[in-house]
Amino acid sequence: MRLGVIVNPIAGMGGSVGLKGTDGYALAKAQEMGAVPNSNEKARRALMRVDLSKTDVIAPPGDMGSDVLTRLGVPHGIMPLELSGSRQDTVDAVTAMGDVDILIFCGGDGTARDILDTAPELTVLGIPAGVKMHSGIFAATPEAAGDMLQAFLEGRTDMDMAEVMDIDEEAFRSGILKVELHGYMRSLTDAVSMPGSKGPSDGSDQDQRDDIGQSVAESMRPEVLYLIGPGSTAKACMDVLRLQHSILGVDAVRDRRLVASDLSSDDIIGILEGSGEARIVLGVIGGQGFILGRGNQQFTPDILRRVGVDNLMVLCTPSKLSRLKVLRVDSGDPSLDDELRGMRRAVIGYGRERVVKVV
């Protein structure tokens, strides 16, 4: 068995600082704002769960793969590449690795698109490390990716063609979501570990979102800080309050007034200092079921612990919930994810709640 490993070392850096990605100028902006790389750590969390003692492993040099394998004590071949720090590194690495039985990569939709454009015939498995990850080739968490790879090496997985999707980041930062299907790649399938691609937004359930927004707005308590996450359902309560909002960012509300909008994680921590009681209002990613870890990385594990896992308000329309078997979390902290899993209430209408399973 021959395995290729690629890590995009800058994937996801724009998430916590509210930049919605790291394409183009956003990388330098993210670094200026204090964002730090975390994709190598996510790759480590995945690969440490896999027995690679009987596998021929090849990876690019340095922080594109070799570093994490060396850290884990995994013997591997290193591609003779000179890295430039650009997306071309991924293209060159895929070209240089030759034939592999499977490529496991750590990154986001942009990395997946680069791999598709270079070698669409590959079998791939994505370790989620980007900001958006609409594609269907990503595992639910780094740990799930490791477990899926181990199952593949043992011949215990099925495979199918999965969507590779990406968004226009410039439009995304302006509050416009443009998602494009770029093609399909062969990947692993599993109902729990592989959540699939993000489902399309359904404008037909606007009345349901309005009911949820009205219910949340009326339930807001005086002096409590409400951090309103991205998405049309979470933002419905802002419409009810007649407050301007950043539909793809995090906004803060107290006493039915806007405190601040489009916040980074550092902004949120600053507002939380001395604020007393707080709530986080979360929507659900259609098709995938994520409430944390996809497009709302501003809610870092530190912030979630400060607010408290019992102070999360999950909002989901009945039509969206009917298409989901479970809800999911990928906060970036495995121990926190364990605390968040289990049965949790979700607001599904005006004065209506439903108990749903979070995995």
Protein backbone atom coordinates (compact mmCIF):
# COMPACT_ATOMS: atom_id res chain seq x y z
CA MET A 1 0.00 0.00 0.00
CA ARG A 2 1.39 3.40 -0.97
CA LEU A 3 0.13 6.53 0.80
CA GLY A 4 0.64 10.17 -0.14
CA VAL A 5 0.46 12.83 2.58
CA ILE A 6 0.09 16.56 1.89
CA VAL A 7 -0.44 19.34 4.45
CA ASN A 8 -1.42 22.85 3.45
CA PRO A 9 0.43 24.72 6.23
CA ILE A 10 -1.65 27.91 5.94
CA ALA A 11 -5.11 26.32 5.67
CA GLY A 12 -7.70 27.79 8.01
CA MET A 13 -5.57 30.67 9.28
CA GLY A 14 -8.22 33.23 8.33
CA GLY A 15 -11.01 31.59 10.32
CA SER A 16 -10.41 32.75 13.87
CA VAL A 17 -9.69 36.33 12.77
CA GLY A 18 -12.89 36.55 10.74
CA LEU A 19 -11.37 36.64 7.24
CA LYS A 20 -13.41 33.70 5.87
CA GLY A 21 -10.37 32.10 4.24
CA THR A 22 -6.70 32.55 3.34
CA ASP A 23 -6.84 33.02 -0.43
CA GLY A 24 -5.05 35.99 -1.99
CA TYR A 25 -4.21 38.91 0.26
CA ALA A 26 -6.00 37.33 3.23
CA LEU A 27 -2.96 35.29 4.30
CA ALA A 28 -0.83 38.36 4.98
CA LYS A 29 -3.81 40.03 6.67
CA ALA A 30 -4.40 36.96 8.85
CA GLN A 31 -0.75 36.89 9.91
CA GLU A 32 -0.86 40.61 10.66
CA MET A 33 -3.90 40.00 12.89
CA GLY A 34 -2.06 37.30 14.86
CA ALA A 35 -3.47 34.14 13.26
CA VAL A 36 -1.32 31.06 13.73
CA PRO A 37 -1.12 27.88 11.58
CA ASN A 38 -2.89 24.80 12.95
CA SER A 39 -3.08 22.40 10.01
CA ASN A 40 0.05 20.44 11.02
CA GLU A 41 -1.48 19.80 14.43
CA LYS A 42 -4.71 18.62 12.80
CA ALA A 43 -2.71 16.31 10.52
CA ARG A 44 -0.92 14.93 13.58
CA ARG A 45 -4.23 14.27 15.33
CA ALA A 46 -5.40 12.28 12.31
CA LEU A 47 -2.23 10.31 11.51
CA MET A 48 -1.45 9.35 15.10
CA ARG A 49 -4.51 7.07 14.95
CA VAL A 50 -3.17 5.11 11.96
CA ASP A 51 -0.79 2.14 11.89
CA LEU A 52 1.55 2.99 9.01
CA SER A 53 4.21 0.38 9.81
CA LYS A 54 3.38 -1.63 6.67
CA THR A 55 2.66 1.31 4.39
CA ASP A 56 4.97 3.06 1.94
CA VAL A 57 4.49 6.75 2.78
CA ILE A 58 5.63 9.73 0.68
CA ALA A 59 5.26 13.44 1.50
CA PRO A 60 6.59 16.88 0.55
CA PRO A 61 9.36 18.35 2.71
CA GLY A 62 8.99 20.46 5.84
CA ASP A 63 5.62 21.67 7.05
CA MET A 64 3.87 20.32 3.96
CA GLY A 65 3.99 16.78 5.36
CA SER A 66 7.43 15.51 6.32
CA ASP A 67 7.57 17.40 9.63
CA VAL A 68 4.44 15.80 11.06
CA LEU A 69 5.50 12.30 9.91
CA THR A 70 8.91 12.76 11.50
CA ARG A 71 7.25 13.95 14.70
CA LEU A 72 5.19 10.75 14.74
CA GLY A 73 8.20 8.56 13.96
CA VAL A 74 6.77 7.36 10.64
CA PRO A 75 9.41 6.35 8.04
CA HIS A 76 8.67 8.09 4.75
CA GLY A 77 10.07 9.26 1.46
CA ILE A 78 10.47 12.99 0.89
CA MET A 79 9.75 14.57 -2.47
CA PRO A 80 12.66 16.68 -3.80
CA LEU A 81 10.71 19.94 -3.97
CA GLU A 82 11.61 23.56 -3.38
CA LEU A 83 8.64 25.15 -1.66
CA SER A 84 7.47 28.64 -2.56
CA GLY A 85 4.73 29.10 0.03
CA SER A 86 2.04 29.34 -2.66
CA ARG A 87 -0.72 27.05 -3.98
CA GLN A 88 1.77 25.91 -6.61
CA ASP A 89 3.41 23.83 -3.85
CA THR A 90 0.32 21.60 -3.70
CA VAL A 91 0.25 21.22 -7.47
CA ASP A 92 3.95 20.33 -7.58
CA ALA A 93 3.61 17.86 -4.70
CA VAL A 94 0.70 16.01 -6.32
CA THR A 95 2.62 15.85 -9.60
CA ALA A 96 5.81 14.58 -7.92
CA MET A 97 4.29 11.85 -5.76
CA GLY A 98 3.36 9.59 -8.66
CA ASP A 99 0.97 6.69 -8.19
CA VAL A 100 -0.47 6.25 -4.70
CA ASP A 101 -3.32 4.09 -3.46
CA ILE A 102 -4.72 7.05 -1.55
CA LEU A 103 -3.78 10.67 -0.86
CA ILE A 104 -4.66 12.04 2.55
CA PHE A 105 -4.40 15.80 2.65
CA CYS A 106 -4.94 18.43 5.31
CA GLY A 107 -6.51 21.67 4.12
CA GLY A 108 -9.75 23.15 2.87
CA ASP A 109 -11.75 23.49 -0.32
CA GLY A 110 -8.98 25.43 -2.07
CA THR A 111 -6.52 22.60 -1.46
CA ALA A 112 -9.08 20.05 -2.67
CA ARG A 113 -9.61 22.07 -5.83
CA ASP A 114 -5.86 22.24 -6.52
CA ILE A 115 -5.63 18.44 -6.18
CA LEU A 116 -8.63 17.93 -8.47
CA ASP A 117 -7.14 20.20 -11.12
CA THR A 118 -3.81 18.34 -10.98
CA ALA A 119 -4.77 14.67 -10.65
CA PRO A 120 -8.55 14.07 -10.78
CA GLU A 121 -8.02 10.30 -10.95
CA LEU A 122 -6.65 10.07 -7.37
CA THR A 123 -8.48 8.54 -4.43
CA VAL A 124 -8.46 11.20 -1.72
CA LEU A 125 -9.38 11.76 1.91
CA GLY A 126 -9.47 15.24 3.44
CA ILE A 127 -8.48 16.16 6.99
CA PRO A 128 -10.60 19.28 7.69
CA ALA A 129 -8.41 22.33 8.36
CA GLY A 130 -9.86 25.09 6.19
CA VAL A 131 -12.46 27.73 6.93
CA LYS A 132 -15.29 26.55 4.70
CA MET A 133 -15.00 22.93 3.51
CA HIS A 134 -18.12 22.57 1.39
CA SER A 135 -16.66 19.56 -0.47
CA GLY A 136 -17.77 16.01 0.23
CA ILE A 137 -14.26 14.50 0.50
CA PHE A 138 -13.57 15.72 4.04
CA ALA A 139 -13.97 13.65 7.18
CA ALA A 140 -15.98 15.16 10.02
CA THR A 141 -12.93 15.71 12.25
CA PRO A 142 -9.19 14.98 12.12
CA GLU A 143 -9.79 11.94 14.33
CA ALA A 144 -12.49 10.68 11.97
CA ALA A 145 -10.07 11.08 9.05
CA GLY A 146 -7.50 8.95 10.85
CA ASP A 147 -10.04 6.25 11.61
CA MET A 148 -11.24 6.24 8.01
CA LEU A 149 -7.69 5.92 6.70
CA GLN A 150 -7.01 3.00 9.06
CA ALA A 151 -10.19 1.31 7.85
CA PHE A 152 -9.09 1.85 4.23
CA LEU A 153 -5.68 0.30 4.89
CA GLU A 154 -7.47 -2.70 6.38
CA GLY A 155 -9.87 -3.00 3.44
CA ARG A 156 -12.94 -2.08 5.49
CA THR A 157 -14.26 0.94 3.57
CA ASP A 158 -16.45 1.65 0.59
CA MET A 159 -15.65 4.30 -1.99
CA ASP A 160 -17.71 6.57 -4.20
CA MET A 161 -17.39 9.78 -6.19
CA ALA A 162 -17.74 12.92 -4.05
CA GLU A 163 -18.17 16.58 -4.91
CA VAL A 164 -15.29 19.07 -4.88
CA MET A 165 -16.75 22.53 -4.27
CA ASP A 166 -15.28 25.95 -3.58
CA ILE A 167 -16.51 29.48 -3.00
CA ASP A 168 -15.52 32.89 -4.26
CA GLU A 169 -13.69 34.22 -1.17
CA GLU A 170 -13.75 37.85 -2.30
CA ALA A 171 -17.53 37.71 -2.68
CA PHE A 172 -17.74 35.74 0.60
CA ARG A 173 -15.95 38.51 2.51
CA SER A 174 -18.51 40.93 1.09
CA GLY A 175 -21.37 38.84 2.45
CA ILE A 176 -22.18 37.03 -0.81
CA LEU A 177 -22.02 33.24 -0.90
CA LYS A 178 -21.15 31.87 -4.34
CA VAL A 179 -20.52 28.13 -4.27
CA GLU A 180 -19.37 26.36 -7.42
CA LEU A 181 -19.11 22.64 -8.15
CA HIS A 182 -15.69 22.03 -9.73
CA GLY A 183 -15.85 18.27 -10.22
CA TYR A 184 -15.79 14.89 -8.52
CA MET A 185 -13.09 12.74 -6.97
CA ARG A 186 -13.10 9.22 -5.60
CA SER A 187 -13.21 9.20 -1.81
CA LEU A 188 -14.22 7.05 1.15
CA THR A 189 -17.82 6.77 2.32
CA ASP A 190 -19.24 6.44 5.81
CA ALA A 191 -22.49 7.88 7.16
CA VAL A 192 -20.95 9.06 10.43
CA SER A 193 -17.32 9.91 9.65
CA MET A 194 -17.87 11.45 6.18
CA PRO A 195 -20.65 14.07 6.35
CA GLY A 196 -20.67 14.81 2.62
CA SER A 197 -20.92 18.16 0.86
CA LYS A 198 -22.75 21.22 2.09
CA GLY A 199 -26.37 21.32 0.96
CA PRO A 200 -27.76 24.27 -1.02
CA SER A 201 -29.56 27.06 0.81
CA ASP A 202 -33.31 26.69 0.56
CA GLY A 203 -35.18 29.97 0.31
CA SER A 204 -38.51 28.18 0.74
CA ASP A 205 -38.11 27.93 4.53
CA GLN A 206 -37.84 31.69 5.13
CA ASP A 207 -41.07 31.63 7.18
CA GLN A 208 -39.52 29.00 9.44
CA ARG A 209 -36.41 31.13 9.92
CA ASP A 210 -38.58 34.15 10.71
CA ASP A 211 -40.45 32.17 13.40
CA ILE A 212 -37.16 31.04 14.93
CA GLY A 213 -35.80 34.59 14.85
CA GLN A 214 -38.91 35.93 16.58
CA SER A 215 -38.68 33.24 19.26
CA VAL A 216 -34.99 33.94 19.97
CA ALA A 217 -35.45 37.72 19.99
CA GLU A 218 -38.31 37.51 22.48
CA SER A 219 -36.30 35.19 24.74
CA MET A 220 -33.30 37.56 25.02
CA ARG A 221 -32.69 38.54 28.63
CA PRO A 222 -31.58 42.00 29.82
CA GLU A 223 -27.82 42.54 30.30
CA VAL A 224 -26.94 39.16 28.73
CA LEU A 225 -24.47 39.32 25.84
CA TYR A 226 -25.60 37.40 22.75
CA LEU A 227 -22.99 36.41 20.15
CA ILE A 228 -24.87 35.78 16.91
CA GLY A 229 -23.06 33.37 14.59
CA PRO A 230 -23.04 33.23 10.78
CA GLY A 231 -25.92 32.00 8.66
CA SER A 232 -29.41 33.05 7.64
CA THR A 233 -31.20 31.26 10.50
CA ALA A 234 -29.03 32.76 13.25
CA LYS A 235 -29.32 36.18 11.62
CA ALA A 236 -33.12 35.99 11.50
CA CYS A 237 -33.27 37.26 15.08
CA MET A 238 -31.21 40.32 13.99
CA ASP A 239 -33.86 41.05 11.37
CA VAL A 240 -36.55 40.86 14.05
CA LEU A 241 -34.55 43.30 16.21
CA ARG A 242 -34.02 45.49 13.12
CA LEU A 243 -30.28 45.45 13.66
CA GLN A 244 -27.68 45.54 10.91
CA HIS A 245 -25.74 42.29 10.73
CA SER A 246 -22.87 40.60 8.94
CA ILE A 247 -24.51 37.44 7.67
CA LEU A 248 -21.22 35.55 7.37
CA GLY A 249 -19.61 36.95 10.53
CA VAL A 250 -20.19 37.09 14.29
CA ASP A 251 -22.19 39.99 15.77
CA ALA A 252 -22.66 40.94 19.44
CA VAL A 253 -25.98 42.11 20.89
CA ARG A 254 -26.90 43.26 24.40
CA ASP A 255 -30.23 44.72 25.54
CA ARG A 256 -31.50 44.48 21.97
CA ARG A 257 -28.76 46.82 20.74
CA LEU A 258 -25.83 46.06 18.45
CA VAL A 259 -22.56 46.09 20.42
CA ALA A 260 -20.20 45.22 17.55
CA SER A 261 -20.24 43.35 14.23
CA ASP A 262 -18.08 40.97 12.16
CA LEU A 263 -15.90 40.04 15.13
CA SER A 264 -12.63 38.13 15.25
CA SER A 265 -11.88 35.76 18.12
CA ASP A 266 -9.74 38.44 19.80
CA ASP A 267 -12.62 40.91 19.45
CA ILE A 268 -14.97 38.43 21.10
CA ILE A 269 -12.60 37.80 24.00
CA GLY A 270 -12.28 41.55 24.53
CA ILE A 271 -16.06 41.96 24.66
CA LEU A 272 -16.46 38.98 26.99
CA GLU A 273 -14.05 40.45 29.55
CA GLY A 274 -16.23 41.76 32.36
CA SER A 275 -19.44 41.22 30.38
CA GLY A 276 -20.99 38.72 32.75
CA GLU A 277 -23.42 36.16 31.33
CA ALA A 278 -23.24 35.37 27.61
CA ARG A 279 -24.92 33.17 25.01
CA ILE A 280 -23.71 31.94 21.60
CA VAL A 281 -26.38 31.60 18.90
CA LEU A 282 -25.51 28.99 16.26
CA GLY A 283 -27.04 27.98 12.97
CA VAL A 284 -26.62 24.59 11.29
CA ILE A 285 -24.76 23.87 8.04
CA GLY A 286 -27.24 22.28 5.65
CA GLY A 287 -26.37 18.83 4.33
CA GLN A 288 -23.49 18.41 6.79
CA GLY A 289 -25.09 19.30 10.13
CA PHE A 290 -22.16 21.19 11.65
CA ILE A 291 -22.91 23.70 14.40
CA LEU A 292 -19.22 24.41 15.11
CA GLY A 293 -16.05 24.20 13.03
CA ARG A 294 -17.35 25.19 9.60
CA GLY A 295 -17.31 28.90 8.80
CA ASN A 296 -17.55 30.01 12.45
CA GLN A 297 -14.00 29.37 13.70
CA GLN A 298 -14.18 32.75 15.43
CA PHE A 299 -15.75 30.69 18.24
CA THR A 300 -12.47 29.20 19.42
CA PRO A 301 -12.32 26.51 22.12
CA ASP A 302 -11.25 29.19 24.62
CA ILE A 303 -14.31 31.29 23.84
CA LEU A 304 -16.64 28.31 23.99
CA ARG A 305 -15.31 27.37 27.42
CA ARG A 306 -15.60 30.96 28.66
CA VAL A 307 -19.23 31.17 27.59
CA GLY A 308 -19.98 27.60 28.71
CA VAL A 309 -21.17 24.60 26.73
CA ASP A 310 -24.63 24.92 28.30
CA ASN A 311 -24.98 28.46 26.93
CA LEU A 312 -25.12 27.53 23.26
CA MET A 313 -28.40 28.18 21.42
CA VAL A 314 -28.73 25.94 18.36
CA LEU A 315 -31.20 27.04 15.68
CA CYS A 316 -32.40 24.82 12.83
CA THR A 317 -35.45 24.94 10.61
CA PRO A 318 -37.60 21.78 10.58
CA SER A 319 -37.05 21.34 6.84
CA LYS A 320 -33.26 21.39 7.26
CA LEU A 321 -33.39 19.15 10.31
CA SER A 322 -35.50 16.59 8.44
CA ARG A 323 -32.60 16.06 6.03
CA LEU A 324 -30.04 15.52 8.79
CA LYS A 325 -29.56 12.37 10.85
CA VAL A 326 -27.33 14.10 13.44
CA LEU A 327 -25.66 17.42 14.19
CA ARG A 328 -21.86 17.67 14.33
CA VAL A 329 -19.08 19.55 16.11
CA ASP A 330 -15.44 20.08 15.19
CA SER A 331 -14.35 22.84 17.57
CA GLY A 332 -10.62 22.18 17.22
CA ASP A 333 -10.36 20.70 20.73
CA PRO A 334 -11.18 16.96 20.94
CA SER A 335 -11.90 17.09 24.68
CA LEU A 336 -14.30 20.00 24.21
CA ASP A 337 -16.00 18.13 21.35
CA ASP A 338 -16.61 15.26 23.78
CA GLU A 339 -18.33 17.69 26.16
CA LEU A 340 -20.49 19.06 23.36
CA ARG A 341 -21.62 15.67 22.08
CA GLY A 342 -24.82 14.04 23.23
CA MET A 343 -28.43 15.19 23.23
CA ARG A 344 -28.97 18.93 22.86
CA ARG A 345 -32.01 21.16 22.41
CA ALA A 346 -32.47 23.05 19.16
CA VAL A 347 -34.93 25.87 18.50
CA ILE A 348 -36.98 24.82 15.47
CA GLY A 349 -39.82 27.36 15.47
CA TYR A 350 -41.70 29.95 17.50
CA GLY A 351 -41.70 28.55 21.03
CA ARG A 352 -40.76 25.13 19.65
CA GLU A 353 -37.71 23.04 20.48
CA ARG A 354 -36.54 19.56 19.59
CA VAL A 355 -33.93 17.35 21.23
CA VAL A 356 -31.30 16.37 18.66
CA LYS A 357 -28.18 14.21 18.78
CA VAL A 358 -24.79 15.90 18.41
CA VAL A 359 -21.83 13.72 17.37
